[in-house]
Protein backbone atom coordinates (compact mmCIF):
# COMPACT_ATOMS: atom_id res chain seq x y z
CA UNK A 1 -44.42 20.95 10.73
CA UNK A 2 -44.57 17.47 9.00
CA UNK A 3 -44.74 18.68 5.79
CA UNK A 4 -41.99 21.38 6.06
CA UNK A 5 -39.58 19.71 3.53
CA UNK A 6 -41.13 18.29 1.06
CA UNK A 7 -38.09 16.13 -0.60
CA UNK A 8 -38.71 13.77 -3.21
CA UNK A 9 -37.93 10.03 -3.05
CA UNK A 10 -35.51 7.42 -4.13
CA UNK A 11 -36.92 3.85 -4.13
CA UNK A 12 -35.53 0.65 -4.38
CA UNK A 13 -38.17 -1.76 -5.61
CA UNK A 14 -37.92 -5.72 -5.61
CA UNK A 15 -39.41 -8.93 -5.66
CA UNK A 16 -39.17 -12.56 -5.13
CA UNK A 17 -41.22 -13.50 -8.15
CA UNK A 18 -38.11 -11.52 -10.25
CA UNK A 19 -35.22 -12.73 -8.40
CA UNK A 20 -32.30 -10.74 -8.48
CA UNK A 21 -34.19 -7.62 -10.22
CA UNK A 22 -33.92 -4.51 -8.27
CA UNK A 23 -35.33 -1.43 -9.69
CA UNK A 24 -34.09 2.16 -8.48
CA UNK A 25 -36.15 5.36 -9.12
CA UNK A 26 -37.04 8.60 -8.40
CA UNK A 27 -40.38 9.79 -7.50
CA UNK A 28 -42.40 12.20 -5.58
CA UNK A 29 -45.02 10.24 -5.14
CA UNK A 30 -43.38 6.39 -4.38
CA UNK A 31 -46.73 4.83 -3.66
CA UNK A 32 -48.51 6.21 -6.72
CA UNK A 33 -45.24 4.87 -8.96
CA UNK A 34 -44.92 1.49 -7.17
CA UNK A 35 -48.81 0.87 -8.05
CA UNK A 36 -48.01 1.86 -11.56
CA UNK A 37 -45.36 -0.76 -11.78
CA UNK A 38 -46.84 -3.53 -10.28
CA UNK A 39 -49.92 -2.94 -12.42
CA UNK A 40 -48.18 -3.00 -15.67
CA UNK A 41 -45.97 -6.13 -14.49
CA UNK A 42 -49.35 -8.01 -13.28
CA UNK A 43 -50.86 -7.32 -16.72
CA UNK A 44 -47.54 -7.98 -18.71
CA UNK A 45 -46.91 -11.53 -16.97
CA UNK A 46 -50.94 -12.57 -16.54
CA UNK A 47 -49.93 -13.23 -12.88
CA UNK A 48 -49.79 -11.11 -9.43
CA UNK A 49 -46.23 -10.37 -8.63
CA UNK A 50 -45.71 -8.83 -5.20
CA UNK A 51 -42.98 -6.45 -4.77
CA UNK A 52 -41.31 -4.95 -1.29
CA UNK A 53 -39.94 -1.37 -1.40
CA UNK A 54 -37.65 0.75 0.42
CA UNK A 55 -37.72 4.66 -0.19
CA UNK A 56 -35.37 7.54 0.81
CA UNK A 57 -36.23 11.18 1.26
CA UNK A 58 -33.40 13.19 -0.42
CA UNK A 59 -32.97 16.81 -0.97
CA UNK A 60 -31.41 16.13 -4.08
CA UNK A 61 -33.41 12.96 -5.00
CA UNK A 62 -32.97 13.07 -8.86
CA UNK A 63 -29.32 13.44 -9.14
CA UNK A 64 -29.00 10.56 -6.45
CA UNK A 65 -31.16 8.00 -8.31
CA UNK A 66 -28.82 9.24 -11.64
CA UNK A 67 -25.50 8.23 -9.72
CA UNK A 68 -26.71 4.91 -8.12
CA UNK A 69 -28.12 3.85 -11.68
CA UNK A 70 -25.05 5.13 -13.46
CA UNK A 71 -22.88 2.91 -10.99
CA UNK A 72 -24.79 0.07 -11.39
CA UNK A 73 -24.83 0.64 -15.16
CA UNK A 74 -20.68 1.18 -15.08
CA UNK A 75 -20.53 -2.43 -13.13
CA UNK A 76 -22.75 -3.97 -16.03
CA UNK A 77 -26.00 -5.20 -13.36
CA UNK A 78 -28.77 -3.63 -15.90
CA UNK A 79 -31.11 -5.83 -17.31
CA UNK A 80 -34.72 -5.70 -18.66
CA UNK A 81 -36.92 -8.20 -16.67
CA UNK A 82 -40.05 -7.41 -18.33
CA UNK A 83 -39.94 -5.49 -21.17
CA UNK A 84 -42.63 -2.99 -22.50
CA UNK A 85 -43.95 -2.12 -18.78
CA UNK A 86 -44.38 0.92 -16.96
CA UNK A 87 -40.91 1.14 -15.17
CA UNK A 88 -39.22 -1.34 -17.57
CA UNK A 89 -35.78 0.92 -17.46
CA UNK A 90 -33.48 1.28 -14.75
CA UNK A 91 -33.55 -2.39 -13.58
CA UNK A 92 -30.47 -4.24 -11.88
CA UNK A 93 -29.28 -7.65 -11.28
CA UNK A 94 -28.40 -6.86 -7.41
CA UNK A 95 -27.76 -9.79 -4.99
CA UNK A 96 -26.10 -8.49 -2.20
CA UNK A 97 -23.36 -10.47 -2.30
CA UNK A 98 -20.37 -8.20 -3.04
CA UNK A 99 -21.58 -6.35 -0.43
CA UNK A 100 -21.44 -9.07 2.14
CA UNK A 101 -17.87 -9.44 0.56
CA UNK A 102 -16.63 -6.11 0.89
CA UNK A 103 -17.79 -5.60 4.35
CA UNK A 104 -16.45 -9.21 5.28
CA UNK A 105 -13.14 -8.04 3.68
CA UNK A 106 -13.26 -4.70 5.67
CA UNK A 107 -13.53 -6.38 9.04
CA UNK A 108 -10.75 -9.16 8.19
CA UNK A 109 -8.53 -6.30 7.16
CA UNK A 110 -9.24 -4.26 10.36
CA UNK A 111 -8.87 -7.52 12.55
CA UNK A 112 -12.30 -7.87 13.89
CA UNK A 113 -12.78 -11.56 14.65
CA UNK A 114 -16.26 -11.90 13.83
CA UNK A 115 -15.64 -10.93 10.06
CA UNK A 116 -16.51 -14.40 8.92
CA UNK A 117 -19.75 -14.53 10.96
CA UNK A 118 -20.80 -10.78 9.70
CA UNK A 119 -19.93 -12.00 6.08
CA UNK A 120 -21.58 -15.12 6.00
CA UNK A 121 -24.82 -13.58 7.58
CA UNK A 122 -24.90 -10.66 5.29
CA UNK A 123 -24.44 -13.41 2.28
CA UNK A 124 -27.48 -14.97 3.17
CA UNK A 125 -29.33 -11.96 3.80
CA UNK A 126 -28.45 -11.31 0.04
CA UNK A 127 -30.48 -14.10 -0.99
CA UNK A 128 -33.49 -12.26 0.13
CA UNK A 129 -32.61 -8.48 -0.18
CA UNK A 130 -30.87 -6.51 -2.46
CA UNK A 131 -28.27 -5.17 -0.17
CA UNK A 132 -26.12 -3.79 -2.76
CA UNK A 133 -28.55 -1.34 -4.31
CA UNK A 134 -30.15 -0.57 -0.94
CA UNK A 135 -26.62 0.05 0.55
CA UNK A 136 -25.74 2.38 -2.24
CA UNK A 137 -28.91 4.24 -1.90
CA UNK A 138 -28.33 4.71 1.53
CA UNK A 139 -24.92 5.91 1.38
CA UNK A 140 -25.99 8.44 -0.93
CA UNK A 141 -28.70 9.32 1.66
CA UNK A 142 -26.62 9.83 4.32
CA UNK A 143 -23.92 12.18 2.46
CA UNK A 144 -26.95 14.26 0.96
CA UNK A 145 -28.54 14.71 4.67
CA UNK A 146 -25.03 15.13 6.05
CA UNK A 147 -24.34 17.92 3.26
CA UNK A 148 -27.88 19.53 3.93
CA UNK A 149 -27.44 20.05 7.50
CA UNK A 150 -23.91 21.14 7.37
CA UNK A 151 -25.04 23.87 5.11
CA UNK A 152 -27.71 24.77 7.44
CA UNK A 153 -25.13 24.85 10.11
CA UNK A 154 -22.98 27.19 8.11
CA UNK A 155 -25.70 29.23 7.06
CA UNK A 156 -26.45 29.72 10.67
CA UNK A 157 -23.17 29.99 11.62
CA UNK A 158 -22.51 32.75 9.09
CA UNK A 159 -26.04 34.52 9.57
CA UNK A 160 -24.70 35.01 13.72
CA UNK A 161 -21.45 36.40 12.87
CA UNK A 162 -23.37 38.66 10.43
CA UNK A 163 -25.75 39.74 13.06
CA UNK A 164 -23.03 40.15 15.63
CA UNK A 165 -21.31 42.30 13.53
CA UNK A 166 -24.12 44.38 12.59
CA UNK A 167 -24.77 44.29 16.71
CA UNK A 168 -21.41 46.07 16.85
CA UNK A 169 -21.98 49.10 14.44
């Protein structure tokens, strides 16, 4: 039952050793892909670089990855921190500062008195985590899972209706 649905992953990979550089990628085996990228970067730089990763299982992971990358490309955040390594493409300058500003502004706009505290806290966390990439991938994950669950619900409802029509005749 644990492996009933084997959706691929979209992952966000970042390192304090490569500040503001975040990779958004797609893989069916994100641990193996992370190991390939880390090994390649460590060999190229000649030192050990430690990475952190958050991965999201998604029904349409490849299109989600391309969509997030297209958005980050559009806002000119693309970079290439370590050329000629495995996974040298699809890196972005993500800090999380615009998410902090956007979230703080939204709270202020709707009249929440804690907007400055939350905005400042998110701004501070943005120094350590790529909140913008994590937010975008998390939002796409939420939309995809909601679409999948909604589709399953509508299919079940349709089949129930079909079954009740068949049982009448």
